[in-house]
Amino acid sequence: MSTHDLYIRPVEAPGQDVPMTGAARFTWEYDDGRARLLALYQKGKDKQWDAAERIDWDLEVDPYNVLGTPDEAMAIHGTKYWDMMSADERSDLRRHFASWQFSQFMHGEQGAMITAARIVESVPDLDSKFYSATQTMDEARHTEIFSRFLQEKIGMVYPINGKLQDLLNETLSDSRWDMPYLGMQVLIEGLALAAFGVCRDVTTKPLPRQILAYVMQDEARHVAFGRMALRDYYKQLSSAELAEREEFVIEGCYLMRDRIRGFEVWENFGIDPKEVREFVEQSAFHQMYRSLLFSRIVPCVKDIGLWSDRIRQTYDDMGVLDMSKSDLEALMRHDEELADQLDAQRFAAEEADRKAEVDTVVAAEAEAAAS
């Protein structure tokens, strides 16, 4: 079945063109480069994996309860709209919201794949080209995973959110080589990583947890890559050049904040987005969710040197300034370790199951021999 048959409304076929500017850069310097970045490149090579083998796709998923989150996760919970819905309509809403959420993950990962390829093309130094090549493969795998999950387990796909599309367009069409880093590695990837983490930690379902944990293990490296490259480069820029990057960050953060509200879903259910905006602002669950979504972006922006009064005021206005105190290194380390722990638990359980099967066969044979 074509993906186009699963979209909740028609999308452009076969896709969309985004005009890009800037130069493709060759470098004739093949020295060893920066040790930190080359170590990350080696890690990127060592950590490649096959989504078809590492993920247990045989696990069942209820498309009407994909993550197993409580009713309070729905922004309209406790409102007249929720009370008017039947149990089936509420289940259908959960399916739509899960589809919308994972669809944006999928579209964002395709954007990351294209942006990583763009970085390979435009970045001037070879060690960054090396690492971006491994990231391009990572993002291809992530796009594959979310696409398969949507098609096989949910059976419904949402078009790309307009705010996400706008930020991707701005990121890819800028001729300056550092802007794909800033737009993708810091803003889009930073928000996605935090969203993955919230979903990973609240879900009670094994397949989504596997997918999100394994994708996050890769994404932790990607954000580290962006931080390394931009931190070094931004030390060389003038105050006027830094102010231009800060303006891009501010605009991008507002776009990302508006993206997470899921207005497309509410419109499909005949609910005025203006009312939903109020519900989202008043929801304790969504206030927590929104603040956590900036837990990776804010400390990263500070770390790379974009920390003017205006940036701080923006984050204060958004209610996320305290996220600047987050220990980004610890968060990333936890993301990587959790995926390895999940592997260890799964393999230990599988080994125990195999041992139990062997013990059962041996005992049956012994009983048969004795009789």
Protein backbone atom coordinates (compact mmCIF):
# COMPACT_ATOMS: atom_id res chain seq x y z
CA MET A 1 0.00 0.00 0.00
CA SER A 2 1.27 3.49 -0.86
CA THR A 3 1.92 5.85 2.05
CA HIS A 4 -0.27 8.36 0.21
CA ASP A 5 -3.24 6.08 0.89
CA LEU A 6 -2.63 6.40 4.66
CA TYR A 7 -2.45 10.20 4.88
CA ILE A 8 -5.44 11.72 6.64
CA ARG A 9 -5.59 14.33 3.87
CA PRO A 10 -3.93 14.58 0.44
CA VAL A 11 -0.32 15.75 0.27
CA GLU A 12 1.81 16.96 -2.61
CA ALA A 13 2.87 14.11 -4.86
CA PRO A 14 5.56 12.97 -5.10
CA GLY A 15 6.95 15.51 -2.62
CA GLN A 16 8.20 19.07 -2.22
CA ASP A 17 11.24 20.89 -3.58
CA VAL A 18 13.22 23.24 -1.33
CA PRO A 19 15.60 25.51 -3.29
CA MET A 20 19.04 25.54 -1.67
CA THR A 21 21.89 28.01 -1.94
CA GLY A 22 25.55 27.92 -1.00
CA ALA A 23 28.60 26.08 -2.25
CA ALA A 24 29.65 22.46 -2.17
CA ARG A 25 33.10 22.50 -0.58
CA PHE A 26 36.04 20.20 -1.25
CA THR A 27 38.98 20.15 1.11
CA TRP A 28 42.46 18.98 0.16
CA GLU A 29 43.59 18.71 3.78
CA TYR A 30 43.48 15.04 4.77
CA ASP A 31 45.23 15.28 8.12
CA ASP A 32 43.91 13.71 11.32
CA GLY A 33 41.65 16.64 12.24
CA ARG A 34 40.17 17.24 15.67
CA ALA A 35 40.58 14.30 18.03
CA ARG A 36 37.20 14.81 19.72
CA LEU A 37 35.32 14.82 16.44
CA LEU A 38 37.23 11.86 15.03
CA ALA A 39 36.45 9.92 18.22
CA LEU A 40 32.78 10.71 17.67
CA TYR A 41 33.12 9.59 14.04
CA GLN A 42 34.62 6.28 15.19
CA LYS A 43 31.77 5.88 17.64
CA GLY A 44 29.30 6.61 14.86
CA LYS A 45 30.83 3.80 12.78
CA ASP A 46 30.94 1.36 15.68
CA LYS A 47 27.32 2.02 16.67
CA GLN A 48 25.66 1.38 13.30
CA TRP A 49 22.76 -1.09 13.57
CA ASP A 50 20.03 -2.70 11.49
CA ALA A 51 16.48 -1.69 12.40
CA ALA A 52 15.10 -4.89 10.91
CA GLU A 53 17.17 -7.00 13.35
CA ARG A 54 17.60 -4.97 16.53
CA ILE A 55 13.92 -4.05 16.94
CA ASP A 56 11.35 -6.73 17.76
CA TRP A 57 8.75 -5.90 15.10
CA ASP A 58 6.63 -8.91 16.12
CA LEU A 59 5.48 -7.06 19.23
CA GLU A 60 1.82 -6.11 18.98
CA VAL A 61 0.69 -2.48 19.16
CA ASP A 62 -2.85 -1.32 19.82
CA PRO A 63 -3.29 1.56 17.32
CA TYR A 64 -5.89 3.11 19.64
CA ASN A 65 -3.55 3.07 22.63
CA VAL A 66 -0.08 3.33 21.14
CA LEU A 67 1.86 4.64 24.15
CA GLY A 68 -0.46 3.68 27.00
CA THR A 69 -0.44 7.24 28.38
CA PRO A 70 -3.18 8.39 30.77
CA ASP A 71 -6.25 10.35 29.66
CA GLU A 72 -4.70 13.47 31.19
CA ALA A 73 -2.20 13.49 28.32
CA MET A 74 -5.02 14.66 26.04
CA ALA A 75 -5.21 18.47 26.15
CA ILE A 76 -9.02 18.43 26.08
CA HIS A 77 -9.29 16.02 29.03
CA GLY A 78 -11.70 17.41 31.60
CA THR A 79 -13.33 19.82 29.14
CA LYS A 80 -16.79 19.80 27.58
CA TYR A 81 -15.31 18.29 24.40
CA TRP A 82 -13.95 15.30 26.28
CA ASP A 83 -17.22 14.79 28.15
CA MET A 84 -19.17 14.82 24.86
CA MET A 85 -17.05 12.03 23.36
CA SER A 86 -17.91 8.36 23.46
CA ALA A 87 -15.30 5.76 24.43
CA ASP A 88 -14.77 4.95 20.74
CA GLU A 89 -14.29 8.60 19.85
CA ARG A 90 -11.73 9.01 22.62
CA SER A 91 -9.86 5.96 21.34
CA ASP A 92 -9.96 7.40 17.83
CA LEU A 93 -8.55 10.68 19.16
CA ARG A 94 -5.66 8.80 20.79
CA ARG A 95 -4.92 7.06 17.49
CA HIS A 96 -4.93 10.37 15.60
CA PHE A 97 -2.69 12.03 18.15
CA ALA A 98 -0.20 9.14 18.12
CA SER A 99 -0.23 9.18 14.33
CA TRP A 100 0.36 12.93 14.29
CA GLN A 101 3.19 12.66 16.81
CA PHE A 102 5.05 9.81 15.10
CA SER A 103 4.41 11.35 11.67
CA GLN A 104 6.23 14.51 12.77
CA PHE A 105 9.04 12.33 14.09
CA MET A 106 9.23 10.66 10.68
CA HIS A 107 9.16 13.91 8.69
CA GLY A 108 11.73 15.46 11.02
CA GLU A 109 14.06 12.49 10.57
CA GLN A 110 13.83 12.77 6.79
CA GLY A 111 14.66 16.47 7.20
CA ALA A 112 17.61 15.48 9.38
CA MET A 113 18.81 13.00 6.74
CA ILE A 114 18.72 15.68 4.03
CA THR A 115 20.34 18.24 6.31
CA ALA A 116 23.14 15.86 7.32
CA ALA A 117 23.84 15.25 3.63
CA ARG A 118 23.85 19.02 3.16
CA ILE A 119 26.44 19.35 5.91
CA VAL A 120 28.66 16.76 4.18
CA GLU A 121 28.45 18.91 1.08
CA SER A 122 28.97 22.36 2.58
CA VAL A 123 31.09 22.08 5.75
CA PRO A 124 34.72 23.07 5.07
CA ASP A 125 36.59 20.56 7.28
CA LEU A 126 37.03 16.87 6.57
CA ASP A 127 36.43 15.53 10.08
CA SER A 128 32.97 17.12 10.07
CA LYS A 129 32.28 15.63 6.64
CA PHE A 130 33.26 12.21 7.99
CA TYR A 131 30.91 12.39 10.94
CA SER A 132 28.02 13.88 8.95
CA ALA A 133 28.24 10.92 6.59
CA THR A 134 27.57 8.53 9.50
CA GLN A 135 24.74 10.75 10.69
CA THR A 136 23.13 10.66 7.25
CA MET A 137 22.96 6.88 7.56
CA ASP A 138 21.58 7.15 11.10
CA GLU A 139 18.81 9.49 9.96
CA ALA A 140 17.94 7.20 7.04
CA ARG A 141 17.50 4.37 9.54
CA HIS A 142 15.32 6.52 11.79
CA THR A 143 13.12 7.56 8.88
CA GLU A 144 12.77 3.90 7.94
CA ILE A 145 11.81 2.97 11.51
CA PHE A 146 9.13 5.60 12.00
CA SER A 147 7.73 4.98 8.54
CA ARG A 148 7.41 1.25 9.23
CA PHE A 149 5.89 1.87 12.66
CA LEU A 150 3.26 4.21 11.22
CA GLN A 151 2.37 1.97 8.30
CA GLU A 152 2.39 -1.40 10.05
CA LYS A 153 1.31 -0.54 13.59
CA ILE A 154 -0.84 2.62 13.43
CA GLY A 155 -2.09 2.59 9.83
CA MET A 156 -2.47 6.34 9.58
CA VAL A 157 -0.09 9.17 8.59
CA TYR A 158 -0.30 12.94 9.06
CA PRO A 159 1.32 15.48 6.70
CA ILE A 160 4.28 17.48 7.91
CA ASN A 161 3.41 20.25 10.35
CA GLY A 162 3.66 23.69 8.75
CA LYS A 163 5.91 25.09 11.49
CA LEU A 164 8.34 22.19 11.13
CA GLN A 165 8.32 22.61 7.35
CA ASP A 166 9.05 26.33 7.72
CA LEU A 167 12.06 25.70 9.95
CA LEU A 168 13.38 22.99 7.65
CA ASN A 169 13.01 25.31 4.66
CA GLU A 170 14.86 28.11 6.43
CA THR A 171 17.58 25.72 7.59
CA LEU A 172 18.20 24.21 4.16
CA SER A 173 17.91 27.39 2.08
CA ASP A 174 20.48 29.41 4.04
CA SER A 175 23.81 29.66 2.22
CA ARG A 176 25.94 29.82 5.40
CA TRP A 177 27.41 26.39 6.17
CA ASP A 178 26.78 26.60 9.92
CA MET A 179 23.01 27.17 9.63
CA PRO A 180 22.12 23.51 8.94
CA TYR A 181 23.96 22.69 12.18
CA LEU A 182 22.08 25.35 14.10
CA GLY A 183 18.65 24.60 12.65
CA MET A 184 18.91 20.82 12.69
CA GLN A 185 21.46 19.72 15.29
CA VAL A 186 20.45 22.26 17.93
CA LEU A 187 16.79 23.14 17.36
CA ILE A 188 15.01 20.34 15.49
CA GLU A 189 17.15 17.48 16.82
CA GLY A 190 17.22 19.00 20.30
CA LEU A 191 13.45 19.22 20.46
CA ALA A 192 13.00 15.78 18.92
CA LEU A 193 15.43 14.22 21.37
CA ALA A 194 13.53 15.67 24.30
CA ALA A 195 10.17 14.59 22.81
CA PHE A 196 11.52 11.08 22.26
CA GLY A 197 12.70 11.04 25.88
CA VAL A 198 9.33 12.06 27.30
CA CYS A 199 7.53 9.43 25.22
CA ARG A 200 10.15 6.78 26.04
CA ASP A 201 9.83 7.42 29.76
CA VAL A 202 6.01 7.56 29.95
CA THR A 203 5.08 4.73 27.58
CA THR A 204 4.06 1.39 29.01
CA LYS A 205 4.35 -0.33 25.63
CA PRO A 206 7.52 -2.30 24.73
CA LEU A 207 7.78 -1.63 20.99
CA PRO A 208 7.57 2.19 21.13
CA ARG A 209 10.00 2.11 24.05
CA GLN A 210 12.50 0.07 22.05
CA ILE A 211 12.22 2.33 19.03
CA LEU A 212 12.60 5.55 20.98
CA ALA A 213 15.46 4.30 23.16
CA TYR A 214 17.48 3.07 20.19
CA VAL A 215 16.88 6.19 18.10
CA MET A 216 17.86 8.37 21.06
CA GLN A 217 21.16 6.52 21.39
CA ASP A 218 22.06 7.79 17.93
CA GLU A 219 20.64 11.26 18.45
CA ALA A 220 22.77 11.84 21.54
CA ARG A 221 25.84 11.66 19.29
CA HIS A 222 24.29 14.02 16.75
CA VAL A 223 23.64 16.78 19.26
CA ALA A 224 27.18 16.35 20.61
CA PHE A 225 28.50 16.77 17.05
CA GLY A 226 26.59 20.02 16.55
CA ARG A 227 27.80 21.38 19.86
CA MET A 228 31.45 20.64 19.07
CA ALA A 229 31.36 22.19 15.62
CA LEU A 230 29.39 25.32 16.50
CA ARG A 231 31.15 26.02 19.80
CA ASP A 232 34.50 26.17 17.97
CA TYR A 233 33.17 28.25 15.08
CA TYR A 234 31.11 30.77 17.04
CA LYS A 235 34.14 31.83 19.05
CA GLN A 236 35.41 33.39 15.81
CA LEU A 237 32.29 35.39 14.89
CA SER A 238 31.62 39.08 15.42
CA SER A 239 28.83 40.31 17.69
CA ALA A 240 26.76 41.21 14.61
CA GLU A 241 27.17 37.69 13.17
CA LEU A 242 26.24 36.13 16.52
CA ALA A 243 23.16 38.35 16.72
CA GLU A 244 21.99 36.98 13.36
CA ARG A 245 22.29 33.41 14.69
CA GLU A 246 20.48 34.37 17.86
CA GLU A 247 17.59 35.80 15.83
CA PHE A 248 17.38 32.51 13.94
CA VAL A 249 17.32 30.57 17.23
CA ILE A 250 14.58 32.77 18.71
CA GLU A 251 12.37 32.45 15.65
CA GLY A 252 13.03 28.71 15.47
CA CYS A 253 12.16 28.15 19.13
CA TYR A 254 8.81 29.88 18.72
CA LEU A 255 8.11 27.75 15.65
CA MET A 256 8.98 24.60 17.59
CA ARG A 257 6.85 25.63 20.57
CA ASP A 258 3.83 26.15 18.31
CA ARG A 259 4.48 22.88 16.46
CA ILE A 260 3.99 20.68 19.51
CA ARG A 261 0.39 21.78 20.09
CA GLY A 262 -0.98 19.45 17.41
CA PHE A 263 -3.61 21.83 16.07
CA GLU A 264 -4.09 19.65 12.98
CA VAL A 265 -5.53 16.86 15.15
CA TRP A 266 -7.98 19.10 16.95
CA GLU A 267 -9.18 20.62 13.68
CA ASN A 268 -9.97 17.12 12.41
CA PHE A 269 -12.23 16.66 15.42
CA GLY A 270 -13.99 19.97 14.88
CA ILE A 271 -12.40 21.72 17.86
CA ASP A 272 -11.35 25.36 17.53
CA PRO A 273 -7.52 25.59 17.83
CA LYS A 274 -7.91 28.84 19.77
CA GLU A 275 -9.75 26.98 22.50
CA VAL A 276 -7.19 24.18 22.45
CA ARG A 277 -4.43 26.75 22.93
CA GLU A 278 -6.06 27.69 26.23
CA PHE A 279 -6.51 24.03 27.21
CA VAL A 280 -2.84 23.34 26.49
CA GLU A 281 -1.72 26.34 28.54
CA GLN A 282 -3.85 25.21 31.50
CA SER A 283 -2.99 21.50 31.34
CA ALA A 284 -0.51 20.44 34.04
CA PHE A 285 0.60 17.51 31.85
CA HIS A 286 1.29 19.76 28.87
CA GLN A 287 3.05 22.37 30.96
CA MET A 288 5.42 19.64 32.15
CA TYR A 289 5.75 18.27 28.62
CA ARG A 290 6.47 21.68 27.11
CA SER A 291 9.15 22.54 29.65
CA LEU A 292 10.86 19.17 29.20
CA LEU A 293 10.88 19.61 25.44
CA PHE A 294 13.33 22.47 25.81
CA SER A 295 15.57 20.57 28.24
CA ARG A 296 18.06 19.81 25.44
CA ILE A 297 17.80 23.01 23.37
CA VAL A 298 18.33 25.64 26.08
CA PRO A 299 21.58 24.27 27.60
CA CYS A 300 22.89 23.53 24.10
CA VAL A 301 22.25 27.11 22.92
CA LYS A 302 24.07 28.34 26.02
CA ASP A 303 26.94 25.90 25.47
CA ILE A 304 27.65 27.00 21.89
CA GLY A 305 27.91 30.65 22.93
CA LEU A 306 24.56 32.15 21.92
CA TRP A 307 23.57 33.47 25.34
CA SER A 308 22.75 37.17 25.02
CA ASP A 309 20.25 39.04 27.17
CA ARG A 310 17.73 38.71 24.36
CA ILE A 311 18.09 34.92 24.19
CA ARG A 312 17.71 34.65 27.96
CA GLN A 313 14.65 36.92 27.91
CA THR A 314 13.07 34.77 25.19
CA TYR A 315 13.51 31.62 27.22
CA ASP A 316 12.25 33.40 30.33
CA ASP A 317 9.12 34.48 28.43
CA MET A 318 8.60 30.89 27.32
CA GLY A 319 9.01 29.65 30.88
CA VAL A 320 12.03 27.45 30.11
CA LEU A 321 15.00 29.55 31.24
CA ASP A 322 15.70 27.21 34.17
CA MET A 323 16.48 24.49 31.62
CA SER A 324 19.82 26.24 31.08
CA LYS A 325 20.93 24.55 34.31
CA SER A 326 20.39 21.07 32.86
CA ASP A 327 23.44 18.83 32.70
CA LEU A 328 23.45 18.07 28.99
CA GLU A 329 26.34 15.63 29.22
CA ALA A 330 24.52 13.59 31.87
CA LEU A 331 21.30 13.55 29.84
CA MET A 332 23.11 12.31 26.74
CA ARG A 333 25.05 9.71 28.70
CA HIS A 334 21.78 8.44 30.19
CA ASP A 335 20.24 8.19 26.70
CA GLU A 336 23.09 6.04 25.46
CA GLU A 337 23.27 3.85 28.55
CA LEU A 338 19.52 3.21 28.68
CA ALA A 339 19.53 1.74 25.17
CA ASP A 340 22.36 -0.63 26.12
CA GLN A 341 20.49 -1.61 29.30
CA LEU A 342 17.37 -2.33 27.27
CA ASP A 343 19.40 -4.58 24.97
CA ALA A 344 20.87 -6.41 27.94
CA GLN A 345 17.44 -6.96 29.51
CA ARG A 346 15.96 -8.19 26.25
CA PHE A 347 18.80 -10.59 25.51
CA ALA A 348 18.80 -11.90 29.09
CA ALA A 349 15.06 -12.56 28.86
CA GLU A 350 15.48 -14.28 25.49
CA GLU A 351 18.30 -16.43 26.86
CA ALA A 352 16.16 -17.39 29.85
CA ASP A 353 13.29 -18.34 27.52
CA ARG A 354 15.62 -20.47 25.40
CA LYS A 355 17.01 -22.18 28.50
CA ALA A 356 13.48 -22.89 29.74
CA GLU A 357 12.58 -24.43 26.37
CA VAL A 358 15.70 -26.64 26.42
CA ASP A 359 15.03 -27.69 30.03
CA THR A 360 11.45 -28.62 29.09
CA VAL A 361 12.62 -30.74 26.15
CA VAL A 362 15.32 -32.45 28.21
CA ALA A 363 12.86 -33.20 31.01
CA ALA A 364 10.33 -34.61 28.53
CA GLU A 365 12.97 -36.83 26.95
CA ALA A 366 14.14 -38.04 30.36
CA GLU A 367 10.57 -38.85 31.37
CA ALA A 368 9.99 -40.72 28.11
CA ALA A 369 13.20 -42.70 28.55
CA ALA A 370 12.29 -43.61 32.12
CA SER A 371 8.90 -44.96 31.10
